[in-house]
Each structure stands twice: as C-alpha cells, then as structure tokens.
Protein backbone atom coordinates (compact mmCIF):
# COMPACT_ATOMS: atom_id res chain seq x y z
CA MET A 1 -5.47 -10.12 7.86
CA SER A 2 -6.68 -11.75 4.68
CA GLU A 3 -3.26 -12.84 3.91
CA GLY A 4 -2.90 -14.78 7.15
CA ILE A 5 -0.66 -12.31 8.89
CA SER A 6 -1.01 -9.19 10.99
CA PRO A 7 -1.10 -5.79 9.42
CA LEU A 8 2.25 -4.90 11.25
CA VAL A 9 4.12 -8.06 9.66
CA TRP A 10 2.55 -7.47 6.14
CA SER A 11 3.78 -3.86 6.23
CA THR A 12 6.94 -4.76 7.64
CA ILE A 13 7.41 -7.27 4.89
CA ALA A 14 6.30 -4.67 2.30
CA LYS A 15 8.59 -2.07 3.57
CA CYS A 16 11.60 -4.47 3.37
CA GLY A 17 10.65 -5.59 -0.09
CA ALA A 18 10.39 -1.77 -1.29
CA ILE A 19 13.58 -0.53 0.07
CA ALA A 20 16.06 -3.55 -0.14
CA SER A 21 17.96 -3.88 -3.29
CA SER A 22 16.34 -7.28 -4.00
CA PHE A 23 13.66 -9.45 -2.52
CA ASP A 24 16.51 -11.73 -1.63
CA ALA A 25 18.15 -8.85 0.46
CA ALA A 26 14.76 -8.26 1.88
CA ARG A 27 14.38 -12.06 2.81
CA SER A 28 17.59 -12.06 4.55
CA THR A 29 16.63 -8.91 6.66
CA LEU A 30 13.35 -10.34 7.51
CA MET A 31 14.97 -13.79 8.50
CA ASP A 32 17.19 -11.93 10.77
CA TRP A 33 14.14 -10.54 12.49
CA GLY A 34 12.53 -13.84 12.72
CA ILE A 35 10.10 -13.47 9.94
CA ASN A 36 10.51 -16.64 7.77
CA VAL A 37 8.81 -16.02 4.22
CA SER A 38 9.60 -17.10 0.56
CA LEU A 39 10.79 -14.85 -1.89
CA LYS A 40 7.59 -15.14 -3.82
CA ARG A 41 5.48 -14.25 -0.93
CA ILE A 42 7.59 -11.31 -0.39
CA GLU A 43 7.11 -10.16 -3.85
CA ARG A 44 3.59 -10.58 -3.97
CA LEU A 45 2.80 -8.99 -0.53
CA THR A 46 5.06 -6.01 -1.69
CA TYR A 47 3.27 -5.37 -4.76
CA LEU A 48 -0.34 -5.96 -3.24
CA PHE A 49 0.65 -3.39 -0.54
CA GLY A 50 1.73 -0.86 -3.22
CA GLU A 51 -1.38 -1.54 -5.15
CA ILE A 52 -3.64 -0.94 -2.17
CA GLY A 53 -1.87 2.23 -1.68
CA ILE A 54 -2.15 3.47 -5.12
CA ASN A 55 -6.00 2.39 -5.15
CA LEU A 56 -6.40 4.46 -1.94
CA ARG A 57 -4.65 7.37 -3.28
CA GLN A 58 -6.84 7.44 -6.46
CA SER A 59 -9.85 7.23 -4.43
CA LYS A 60 -8.91 10.23 -2.07
CA ILE A 61 -7.95 12.18 -5.33
CA LEU A 62 -11.51 11.12 -6.83
CA ASN A 63 -13.18 12.20 -3.67
CA LEU A 64 -11.46 15.54 -3.83
CA GLU A 65 -12.33 16.22 -7.32
CA ILE A 66 -16.04 15.24 -6.65
CA ASP A 67 -16.29 17.40 -3.57
CA HIS A 68 -14.57 20.33 -5.58
CA LEU A 69 -17.17 19.84 -8.48
CA LEU A 70 -20.14 19.87 -6.22
CA PHE A 71 -18.68 22.98 -4.37
CA SER A 72 -18.34 24.55 -7.60
CA VAL A 73 -21.93 23.90 -8.67
CA VAL A 74 -23.40 25.18 -5.23
CA ILE A 75 -21.42 28.55 -5.78
CA ASP A 76 -22.84 28.72 -9.39
CA ILE A 77 -26.28 28.18 -8.03
CA LYS A 78 -25.90 30.80 -5.28
CA TYR A 79 -24.53 33.62 -7.83
C-alpha cells in the first residue's frame, strides 16, 4: 500500500502492463475497468512489481543455497 493503491489494484496494473502490447494498450484496458492511471504510473508500477518479484526469487534461491550448504556441513560432521 506504499504506492497509495491496494495490492489488488497494483497487481492488476502490473499484469496489464506486462501482458499488453504497450503501456498505452494497458491504460486503455484499465480505463475500461474503471482504473484511471497515467502511462508513467503504469510503467513505474509494472517495473517495480517485476523488480520486487525478482528480489523475492533471488532471496528464495539464496535461502535454498544456504540451507543446502548448512545441510552439507552437518552431513560432513556426522560422517
């Protein structure tokens, strides 16, 4: 909600921004649904949403790698 919109609206804007052929096409679709936002805001929210997703993915991968390394160390110590 730091963007001043609900998570549902933000994800809807990001989804339209990502799958539409252009941000202008996304804006047209969003306006049909009653969501009136500028092209700049659609672009910014779409990229920010994607960046958050990439960061979450990297965090999960790092946690998996750390857990795997810790598990390997425990196995080495036992045997």
